[in-house]
Amino acid sequence: MEASVISLGLSFLGVNIAFMALMWRTFSRQFQAIDRRFDRVEDKIDNLARDHQSLARELSEFRGEVRGRLGDPSPITA
């Protein structure tokens, strides 16, 4: 009786360990995939920020050129 209970307990423990290993492997793969997606999103955001800074700099230069050529416009009063 004791031997069957012990063997049943050991087999139950073995199945639980195998199940936990399978779940660990599955979740670790999923988290790695999510990390890769976040890395790609971060790269895209960094590229957009660089583009924004570049365009803002060019717009500022263009505004200075226009003001230099046209002068500072006076406000229109009606």
C-alpha atoms as a PDB file:
ATOM      1  CA  MET A   1       0.000   0.000   0.000  1.00  0.00           C
ATOM      2  CA  GLU A   2       2.750   2.434   0.960  1.00  0.00           C
ATOM      3  CA  ALA A   3       4.756   1.640  -2.158  1.00  0.00           C
ATOM      4  CA  SER A   4       1.807   2.352  -4.446  1.00  0.00           C
ATOM      5  CA  VAL A   5       1.084   5.654  -2.686  1.00  0.00           C
ATOM      6  CA  ILE A   6       4.735   6.673  -2.956  1.00  0.00           C
ATOM      7  CA  SER A   7       4.928   5.684  -6.640  1.00  0.00           C
ATOM      8  CA  LEU A   8       1.675   7.526  -7.328  1.00  0.00           C
ATOM      9  CA  GLY A   9       3.042  10.619  -5.572  1.00  0.00           C
ATOM     10  CA  LEU A  10       6.313  10.437  -7.495  1.00  0.00           C
ATOM     11  CA  SER A  11       4.545  10.057 -10.830  1.00  0.00           C
ATOM     12  CA  PHE A  12       2.273  12.992  -9.957  1.00  0.00           C
ATOM     13  CA  LEU A  13       5.359  15.042  -9.062  1.00  0.00           C
ATOM     14  CA  GLY A  14       7.058  14.051 -12.313  1.00  0.00           C
ATOM     15  CA  VAL A  15       4.041  15.032 -14.384  1.00  0.00           C
ATOM     16  CA  ASN A  16       3.829  18.380 -12.595  1.00  0.00           C
ATOM     17  CA  ILE A  17       7.523  19.069 -13.172  1.00  0.00           C
ATOM     18  CA  ALA A  18       7.188  18.196 -16.863  1.00  0.00           C
ATOM     19  CA  PHE A  19       4.098  20.410 -17.193  1.00  0.00           C
ATOM     20  CA  MET A  20       5.830  23.332 -15.494  1.00  0.00           C
ATOM     21  CA  ALA A  21       8.866  22.935 -17.773  1.00  0.00           C
ATOM     22  CA  LEU A  22       6.591  22.969 -20.811  1.00  0.00           C
ATOM     23  CA  MET A  23       4.759  26.066 -19.567  1.00  0.00           C
ATOM     24  CA  TRP A  24       8.066  27.800 -18.779  1.00  0.00           C
ATOM     25  CA  ARG A  25       9.343  27.114 -22.281  1.00  0.00           C
ATOM     26  CA  THR A  26       6.114  28.297 -23.899  1.00  0.00           C
ATOM     27  CA  PHE A  27       5.903  31.500 -21.869  1.00  0.00           C
ATOM     28  CA  SER A  28       9.573  32.312 -22.318  1.00  0.00           C
ATOM     29  CA  ARG A  29       9.139  32.059 -26.104  1.00  0.00           C
ATOM     30  CA  GLN A  30       6.078  34.300 -25.967  1.00  0.00           C
ATOM     31  CA  PHE A  31       7.881  36.885 -23.840  1.00  0.00           C
ATOM     32  CA  GLN A  32      10.854  36.850 -26.200  1.00  0.00           C
ATOM     33  CA  ALA A  33       8.495  37.516 -29.119  1.00  0.00           C
ATOM     34  CA  ILE A  34       6.895  40.381 -27.217  1.00  0.00           C
ATOM     35  CA  ASP A  35      10.336  41.802 -26.388  1.00  0.00           C
ATOM     36  CA  ARG A  36      11.286  41.714 -30.073  1.00  0.00           C
ATOM     37  CA  ARG A  37       8.104  43.590 -30.961  1.00  0.00           C
ATOM     38  CA  PHE A  38       8.787  46.224 -28.318  1.00  0.00           C
ATOM     39  CA  ASP A  39      12.330  46.612 -29.639  1.00  0.00           C
ATOM     40  CA  ARG A  40      10.993  47.189 -33.151  1.00  0.00           C
ATOM     41  CA  VAL A  41       8.453  49.720 -31.870  1.00  0.00           C
ATOM     42  CA  GLU A  42      11.155  51.542 -29.898  1.00  0.00           C
ATOM     43  CA  ASP A  43      13.354  51.695 -32.999  1.00  0.00           C
ATOM     44  CA  LYS A  44      10.490  53.130 -35.038  1.00  0.00           C
ATOM     45  CA  ILE A  45       9.749  55.729 -32.350  1.00  0.00           C
ATOM     46  CA  ASP A  46      13.419  56.717 -32.203  1.00  0.00           C
ATOM     47  CA  ASN A  47      13.477  57.122 -35.995  1.00  0.00           C
ATOM     48  CA  LEU A  48      10.318  59.245 -35.875  1.00  0.00           C
ATOM     49  CA  ALA A  49      11.829  61.432 -33.155  1.00  0.00           C
ATOM     50  CA  ARG A  50      14.968  61.954 -35.261  1.00  0.00           C
ATOM     51  CA  ASP A  51      12.831  62.821 -38.296  1.00  0.00           C
ATOM     52  CA  HIS A  52      10.779  65.245 -36.212  1.00  0.00           C
ATOM     53  CA  GLN A  53      13.876  67.001 -34.910  1.00  0.00           C
ATOM     54  CA  SER A  54      15.294  67.252 -38.405  1.00  0.00           C
ATOM     55  CA  LEU A  55      12.066  68.648 -39.843  1.00  0.00           C
ATOM     56  CA  ALA A  56      11.667  71.103 -36.969  1.00  0.00           C
ATOM     57  CA  ARG A  57      15.201  72.376 -37.576  1.00  0.00           C
ATOM     58  CA  GLU A  58      14.533  72.771 -41.321  1.00  0.00           C
ATOM     59  CA  LEU A  59      11.219  74.538 -40.668  1.00  0.00           C
ATOM     60  CA  SER A  60      12.920  76.934 -38.290  1.00  0.00           C
ATOM     61  CA  GLU A  61      15.564  77.728 -40.914  1.00  0.00           C
ATOM     62  CA  PHE A  62      12.865  78.221 -43.557  1.00  0.00           C
ATOM     63  CA  ARG A  63      10.930  80.562 -41.258  1.00  0.00           C
ATOM     64  CA  GLY A  64      14.091  82.608 -40.717  1.00  0.00           C
ATOM     65  CA  GLU A  65      14.703  82.839 -44.455  1.00  0.00           C
ATOM     66  CA  VAL A  66      11.119  83.936 -45.134  1.00  0.00           C
ATOM     67  CA  ARG A  67      11.260  86.553 -42.404  1.00  0.00           C
ATOM     68  CA  GLY A  68      14.575  87.780 -43.747  1.00  0.00           C
ATOM     69  CA  ARG A  69      13.209  88.172 -47.281  1.00  0.00           C
ATOM     70  CA  LEU A  70       9.720  89.491 -46.468  1.00  0.00           C
ATOM     71  CA  GLY A  71      10.421  91.304 -43.260  1.00  0.00           C
ATOM     72  CA  ASP A  72       8.443  90.932 -40.059  1.00  0.00           C
ATOM     73  CA  PRO A  73       4.780  91.371 -41.057  1.00  0.00           C
ATOM     74  CA  SER A  74       2.854  94.000 -39.169  1.00  0.00           C
ATOM     75  CA  PRO A  75      -0.491  92.944 -37.686  1.00  0.00           C
ATOM     76  CA  ILE A  76      -3.554  93.746 -39.773  1.00  0.00           C
ATOM     77  CA  THR A  77      -6.030  96.080 -38.083  1.00  0.00           C
ATOM     78  CA  ALA A  78      -9.522  96.529 -39.346  1.00  0.00           C
END
